[in-house]
Amino acid sequence: MQVFILTAWLALMIGMLALAIKSIQTNKQAGQTRLERLRNAYRNLQKYKTHSQVSRLAHTSPGYAGLWHQLLLRVNFDIALAEKLVKQLRLKYPGKPDRWYIGKAIWDIEKECNRH
């Protein structure tokens, strides 16, 4: 009887050890998945390194994203043109917040469209 109990206990311990190993492997794979997601997010941010501060800000801040998108709509998604407009406004009106420059660029485009 003791041999049976000892054998059953040993089988139970081996089963628990197998479950623990499986759990560790699963967590390790999940950790790699999280690491890959972080790497991909970092790579995506690197794409915007060549763009201006306002363009990068629009990608990371929801408050600017809507305004930036409106500006891009008005310039047919020409990022370089949108950045150039904001840069020119920044030179003409120094010291204003970025949100103001984007809004002013939108307003100027609409004003120009209404004039024609």
Protein backbone atom coordinates (compact mmCIF):
# COMPACT_ATOMS: atom_id res chain seq x y z
CA MET A 1 0.00 0.00 0.00
CA GLN A 2 2.83 2.41 0.83
CA VAL A 3 4.49 1.69 -2.51
CA PHE A 4 1.22 2.57 -4.30
CA ILE A 5 0.89 5.87 -2.38
CA LEU A 6 4.54 6.69 -3.02
CA THR A 7 4.15 5.91 -6.74
CA ALA A 8 0.97 8.01 -6.96
CA TRP A 9 2.68 10.89 -5.15
CA LEU A 10 5.70 10.64 -7.49
CA ALA A 11 3.43 10.62 -10.56
CA LEU A 12 1.58 13.67 -9.20
CA MET A 13 4.87 15.53 -8.61
CA ILE A 14 6.11 14.70 -12.12
CA GLY A 15 2.80 15.94 -13.54
CA MET A 16 3.04 19.18 -11.57
CA LEU A 17 6.65 19.63 -12.69
CA ALA A 18 5.58 19.16 -16.32
CA LEU A 19 2.82 21.76 -15.87
CA ALA A 20 5.28 24.19 -14.29
CA ILE A 21 7.71 23.76 -17.19
CA LYS A 22 4.88 24.25 -19.70
CA SER A 23 3.76 27.40 -17.84
CA ILE A 24 7.30 28.80 -17.86
CA GLN A 25 7.61 28.17 -21.60
CA THR A 26 4.25 29.83 -22.27
CA ASN A 27 5.21 32.89 -20.21
CA LYS A 28 8.55 33.07 -21.97
CA GLN A 29 6.81 33.02 -25.37
CA ALA A 30 4.33 35.65 -24.20
CA GLY A 31 7.25 37.78 -23.03
CA GLN A 32 8.84 37.50 -26.45
CA THR A 33 5.55 38.51 -28.02
CA ARG A 34 5.36 41.61 -25.80
CA LEU A 35 8.97 42.40 -26.64
CA GLU A 36 8.23 42.07 -30.36
CA ARG A 37 5.24 44.41 -30.01
CA LEU A 38 7.44 46.98 -28.28
CA ARG A 39 10.08 46.63 -30.99
CA ASN A 40 7.46 47.09 -33.71
CA ALA A 41 6.04 50.16 -31.98
CA TYR A 42 9.56 51.61 -31.72
CA ARG A 43 10.20 50.90 -35.41
CA ASN A 44 6.94 52.65 -36.30
CA LEU A 45 8.00 55.71 -34.32
CA GLN A 46 11.34 55.72 -36.12
CA LYS A 47 9.50 56.19 -39.43
CA TYR A 48 8.48 59.66 -38.31
CA LYS A 49 11.96 60.77 -37.32
CA THR A 50 12.44 62.59 -40.60
CA HIS A 51 9.31 64.69 -40.10
CA SER A 52 9.05 67.88 -38.12
CA GLN A 53 8.32 68.25 -34.43
CA VAL A 54 4.67 69.11 -35.19
CA SER A 55 4.25 66.01 -37.35
CA ARG A 56 5.75 63.77 -34.65
CA LEU A 57 3.61 65.48 -32.01
CA ALA A 58 0.49 64.74 -34.06
CA HIS A 59 1.40 61.05 -34.09
CA THR A 60 1.90 60.84 -30.34
CA SER A 61 -0.67 63.30 -28.97
CA PRO A 62 -4.39 62.79 -29.59
CA GLY A 63 -5.04 66.50 -29.07
CA TYR A 64 -2.94 67.42 -32.09
CA ALA A 65 -3.85 64.44 -34.26
CA GLY A 66 -7.27 65.77 -35.21
CA LEU A 67 -6.00 69.21 -36.21
CA TRP A 68 -3.04 67.73 -38.07
CA HIS A 69 -5.38 65.38 -39.93
CA GLN A 70 -7.60 68.31 -40.92
CA LEU A 71 -4.56 70.14 -42.28
CA LEU A 72 -3.43 67.06 -44.17
CA LEU A 73 -6.90 66.71 -45.70
CA ARG A 74 -6.68 70.26 -47.01
CA VAL A 75 -3.26 69.69 -48.61
CA ASN A 76 -4.16 66.26 -50.03
CA PHE A 77 -1.99 64.48 -47.45
CA ASP A 78 1.19 66.18 -48.63
CA ILE A 79 3.12 66.02 -45.34
CA ALA A 80 6.02 68.08 -46.67
CA LEU A 81 3.68 70.89 -47.72
CA ALA A 82 1.84 70.84 -44.38
CA GLU A 83 5.14 71.01 -42.50
CA LYS A 84 6.32 73.84 -44.75
CA LEU A 85 3.16 75.85 -44.05
CA VAL A 86 3.58 75.38 -40.29
CA LYS A 87 7.28 76.25 -40.51
CA GLN A 88 6.52 79.47 -42.41
CA LEU A 89 3.89 80.45 -39.85
CA ARG A 90 6.33 79.70 -37.03
CA LEU A 91 8.84 82.09 -38.62
CA LYS A 92 6.20 84.77 -39.22
CA TYR A 93 4.54 84.47 -35.77
CA PRO A 94 7.18 83.26 -33.28
CA GLY A 95 6.26 82.09 -29.80
CA LYS A 96 2.80 80.67 -30.51
CA PRO A 97 1.82 77.12 -29.50
CA ASP A 98 1.98 74.39 -32.16
CA ARG A 99 -1.79 73.97 -32.08
CA TRP A 100 -2.14 77.63 -33.10
CA TYR A 101 0.16 77.21 -36.11
CA ILE A 102 -1.79 74.19 -37.36
CA GLY A 103 -5.12 75.98 -36.89
CA LYS A 104 -3.79 79.10 -38.62
CA ALA A 105 -2.58 77.03 -41.58
CA ILE A 106 -6.05 75.47 -41.89
CA TRP A 107 -7.69 78.88 -41.61
CA ASP A 108 -5.36 80.38 -44.26
CA ILE A 109 -6.09 77.54 -46.69
CA GLU A 110 -9.85 77.86 -46.19
CA LYS A 111 -9.65 81.64 -46.59
CA GLU A 112 -7.69 81.23 -49.82
CA CYS A 113 -10.17 78.64 -51.14
CA ASN A 114 -13.14 80.90 -50.37
CA ARG A 115 -11.48 83.81 -52.14
CA HIS A 116 -11.45 81.93 -55.48
